[in-house]
């Protein structure tokens, strides 16, 4: 019996090759989207799960403000936190302090800039499961100037030679570090993906005297998972006692469960976090695509069922039962789904590299064979078979033999309602995605083209170090000899992302009243190199830079007099109108007294997710980057000249550069990625919706074939028939718009709320989506209506 059903199903599918191909295509597309997204979700939710003690680990988050100023929160702590917490809270079993830096590493004739050199306490192996292939985890980081390499990094420097015991030279000072171990390469699904692991004591980060001098990340491991909440509840009381002599300083700490950091923390780890909201969004979109594919199958098969009505009538006349007819058509659904599944596996295998490129992930194909993915695939197959196969099979199996053999069919209002509902649902999803895509792309265009207040075009970022800084004047002068270079500025941070956290107050404010502010130590060429606008006062001069070179941190503040350049927001927070701020006295961290030399126009020195805050620029003799402004010329020629000059002036480190506009765009990687995903899914949903519409239109044409014949005999033309057939579908599309557009507005507006600076949602975006939707409806239905109108009416009315 099964063999007979299978043969019949295959014969029927082969006979209707066109519809079979469309069905397989739509199911393959739906399944492929579903599986790729499931792979992505499985990868994202698996972050850090290879750490067996992860459920007992928490990251320390610091929150502070001074004197009622704005509150600063982040995953930074002082070196004092770990020992103090361990002494106070017996629930803490162990902890580790970590800090990741970029360092130049040399070995013999090899010279590399390593961007991910992690410094950590030796307890790092107690908390985390980073397997050592060579070396002792208890002693490998127990002393200063010790370093462990990942397997691939060891191969880069030493080839197949055993590196343990060898010495690497770090930074421009060529500090020797002994290689004490080799560890396995860190998996892609880890919030820490360093290439080198050095001993924390090598930083010479002595225990801070205060809690707010915070530069390091601290992880705590509790004796049990429940202790995380217990310790967090006790921290405020402990810190209050510790800070009782600190006046108006507010400081406290929170604990983030380790496994929740990647998807739920607003504070990035050593690797960028993802957003659980985006996971929900793309999960929903993938499921909607799968449903569209199922509904397309239902509409097409229902349309085809009328073509096979006589086959069913003959089978029933020959004695076939409803159950047998139902099983036969369900069998066809199973065969189609199996074929689509096979094609899905092949398609996923082919598309995964492109998908990884789109999502900027390293999802291995081996994840496809995991229990989660296999169960998801099986679940999707069962859903498809039940949703896609059962209704058409039920409709066909209930045909009455006499009516179908005579060529007359009764219309059922419930069947029509379901098919129309499916079409409204399909089209509504497509319109929802289309409008959302328009708005996302418009916001991304707004970000790319918004005037940020600094010049991000034709600006190159170069690294700096102590060796370069020793002769920085001559170094900059030589760089400016390269044709096309106009300015070489120095800074600690790039103008698009200034991170330095400081405190400020005016001379009129009491010393215990401080305002949080971002500050960047710069030189006299930073402002012109970054294209900042000075509104009042004047820029730093070379003398300003020279005058502060002898200032030290421990020097009596009364002997210092810093010139400061502040932005408009900082001036207002300090109680001055920007036009009257020049010459006013102020303090930066109380260790830097001085005066306002200039006020610059507000610019976006952080993501536009946040409003512009207060900013202070102050002169310095040290920096970590060089900001090179170039003319609009042949950038490759300029870079070639820069590289030659760099090799001459700084042979101790490789020539590496970044473009400021690329660094700026990287701040919006998640949004750009979301936009690309919506572009792809919108295209897929529209294609599948049109295929579904094709099925319903074909069904409607067959149901009204006699009516069309009569109308033609009565004198109706092709245009009249097209107008008749299109009217119903235009109504359905309008219903889809009424449902989809408000939902799209509410959903995408919530996403836009995450930006402090955002577009307005214009009505014409919805109008454009409506026009595109109507055009697709008219095109799809018009073609089928024209085809139905071209059939000889005598042929359609011969059974009457």
Foldseek 3Di string as FASTA:
>chain_A
DVVVLLVLLVVVCVVPVVLLVVLLVLLLVLLLLQLLLLLVVVLQLCFQVVFVQLLQKWWKKKWKWFAPFDIDIAQWKFPQPQVVLVVVDVQFPHKKKKAFAWKWKDDDPDIATFGGEMAMALCPVVRGPFDWPDADSNCQQHDAQGKEFEPVVCCVRPNPDDQQQPWMFIHPVRRTHGYGTYTHQDDQSYLHGGGMYHYNCNVVRPGDPDTPPIDIIMMTGGPDSVVLVVSQVCFVVVVCVVCVVQFRMDMTMHIGRRSCCQAPNPYRGNDGHHHVVLSVVSNVLSVLSLLLSLLLLQLQLLLCLLVCLQVLLVVVVVPDALVNLLVSQLSSQLVSLVSSVVVSLVVSVVCVVVSCVLQVGDRDPVSCPDPSNVVSSVVSSVCSSVRRRRPSSNVNSPRHNVCSNLPHDDDDPVVVVVLLVSLLSLLLSLLLLLLLLVFLVVFVVCLLPPAQQWDQPQKKKWWDDPVCLVPVVVLQVLLCVQPFWDFKKFKADDQQAQDAWWWKAFPPDDPSRTHIAGEMAIAQRNCVLGVWAWDDADTHDPVLQVVCAPDDQPDDLVPAAWEKEKEQQQQVVNPHHQHPQFQTWMDINNSHTHGYRTYIYFGNSYALLDDGHIYMYTHYSDHTMMMIHGDPDDVVSSVVSSQVSCCVSPVNHHTDMDRSSVVNVVNCSNSVSSSVSSVVSSVSSVVSSLSSLLSNLSSVLSNCLLVLLVVVVVPDDLVNLLCVSLPVVLVSSVSSLVPNVVVSCVVSVVVQNSGNDGDDSDPVSSVVSSVVSSVSSSVSNSVVSSVSNPDNSCVVPVSD
